[in-house]
C-alpha cells in the first residue's frame, strides 16, 4: 500500500486515497458512515475531493483504521505528479 505513503497536498489527494482504501478493504460506505458517525453524503463528498470538516475527515479515517501525520512538504516527486495528472484527466472524462 505504498500509495498511502505519498504526501497529500490537496483535499482531492486525500479523497482519492480514502476511496482507494475503502475499496481495497472492501468496506461499504454505509459501514464507514455508521462507524464514523457521519453521513454517507459526507463520505461521498470527501471521496470526490470536495471540502468536508476536519472533524469529519478524522472520524472517517479513524473508521478506516487510519490517521494523519503532519510532515514538511518538499516539491512533489515525478511519480506524484504523474499520478495526479492521470487522476485529473480521468476525472475530466466524466464531464
Protein backbone atom coordinates (compact mmCIF):
# COMPACT_ATOMS: atom_id res chain seq x y z
CA UNK A 1 0.00 0.00 0.00
CA UNK A 2 2.67 2.49 -0.94
CA UNK A 3 0.07 4.93 -2.27
CA UNK A 4 -0.83 5.71 1.35
CA UNK A 5 2.70 7.00 1.96
CA UNK A 6 2.57 9.70 -0.74
CA UNK A 7 2.29 13.22 0.60
CA UNK A 8 -1.22 14.59 0.44
CA UNK A 9 -1.14 18.06 -0.99
CA UNK A 10 -4.84 18.63 -1.74
CA UNK A 11 -8.24 17.50 -0.49
CA UNK A 12 -8.55 15.66 -3.82
CA UNK A 13 -5.43 13.64 -2.95
CA UNK A 14 -6.91 12.69 0.40
CA UNK A 15 -10.32 11.90 -1.07
CA UNK A 16 -8.80 9.66 -3.72
CA UNK A 17 -6.81 7.77 -1.11
CA UNK A 18 -9.83 7.36 1.17
CA UNK A 19 -11.77 5.88 -1.77
CA UNK A 20 -8.87 3.57 -2.69
CA UNK A 21 -8.52 2.44 0.91
CA UNK A 22 -12.26 1.80 1.23
CA UNK A 23 -12.28 -0.25 -1.96
CA UNK A 24 -9.11 -2.10 -1.01
CA UNK A 25 -10.64 -3.11 2.32
CA UNK A 26 -13.99 -3.85 0.61
CA UNK A 27 -15.81 -1.73 3.17
CA UNK A 28 -19.23 -0.39 2.23
CA UNK A 29 -19.92 3.32 2.58
CA UNK A 30 -22.81 2.59 4.97
CA UNK A 31 -20.43 0.78 7.34
CA UNK A 32 -17.92 3.63 7.35
CA UNK A 33 -20.71 6.17 7.83
CA UNK A 34 -22.05 4.26 10.82
CA UNK A 35 -18.61 3.75 12.41
CA UNK A 36 -17.61 7.38 11.87
CA UNK A 37 -20.91 8.91 12.90
CA UNK A 38 -21.02 10.81 9.60
CA UNK A 39 -23.47 10.55 6.73
CA UNK A 40 -22.76 8.68 3.51
CA UNK A 41 -23.10 12.06 1.78
CA UNK A 42 -20.11 13.42 3.76
CA UNK A 43 -18.06 10.34 2.85
CA UNK A 44 -19.04 10.66 -0.82
CA UNK A 45 -18.11 14.36 -0.85
CA UNK A 46 -14.73 13.56 0.71
CA UNK A 47 -14.04 10.82 -1.84
CA UNK A 48 -14.86 13.26 -4.66
CA UNK A 49 -12.31 15.72 -3.27
CA UNK A 50 -14.90 18.18 -2.02
CA UNK A 51 -14.43 20.13 1.18
CA UNK A 52 -15.51 18.48 4.44
CA UNK A 53 -14.78 19.46 8.02
CA UNK A 54 -11.55 18.35 9.64
CA UNK A 55 -13.53 16.50 12.31
CA UNK A 56 -15.39 14.57 9.59
CA UNK A 57 -12.12 13.68 7.87
CA UNK A 58 -10.61 12.48 11.14
CA UNK A 59 -13.70 10.42 12.02
CA UNK A 60 -13.79 8.76 8.60
CA UNK A 61 -10.08 7.97 8.71
CA UNK A 62 -10.45 6.52 12.21
CA UNK A 63 -13.35 4.35 10.99
CA UNK A 64 -10.94 3.00 8.35
CA UNK A 65 -8.23 2.45 10.97
CA UNK A 66 -6.02 5.30 9.73
CA UNK A 67 -4.95 8.77 10.80
CA UNK A 68 -2.98 11.78 9.65
CA UNK A 69 0.69 12.51 10.07
CA UNK A 70 1.89 16.10 9.73
CA UNK A 71 5.06 16.28 7.63
CA UNK A 72 7.08 19.00 5.94
CA UNK A 73 6.31 19.19 2.23
CA UNK A 74 9.01 19.30 -0.38
CA UNK A 75 8.45 19.54 -4.10
CA UNK A 76 6.23 16.78 -5.49
CA UNK A 77 8.01 13.75 -6.88
CA UNK A 78 7.72 12.87 -10.55
CA UNK A 79 5.59 9.87 -9.60
CA UNK A 80 3.21 12.07 -7.58
CA UNK A 81 2.86 14.50 -10.48
CA UNK A 82 2.21 11.69 -12.97
CA UNK A 83 -0.41 10.12 -10.70
CA UNK A 84 -2.11 13.48 -10.08
CA UNK A 85 -2.16 14.32 -13.79
CA UNK A 86 -3.59 10.90 -14.65
CA UNK A 87 -6.27 11.28 -11.96
CA UNK A 88 -7.21 14.77 -13.18
CA UNK A 89 -7.51 13.51 -16.75
CA UNK A 90 -9.63 10.59 -15.53
CA UNK A 91 -11.88 12.93 -13.52
CA UNK A 92 -12.30 15.14 -16.58
CA UNK A 93 -13.73 12.22 -18.61
CA UNK A 94 -16.95 12.37 -16.57
CA UNK A 95 -17.89 15.83 -17.83
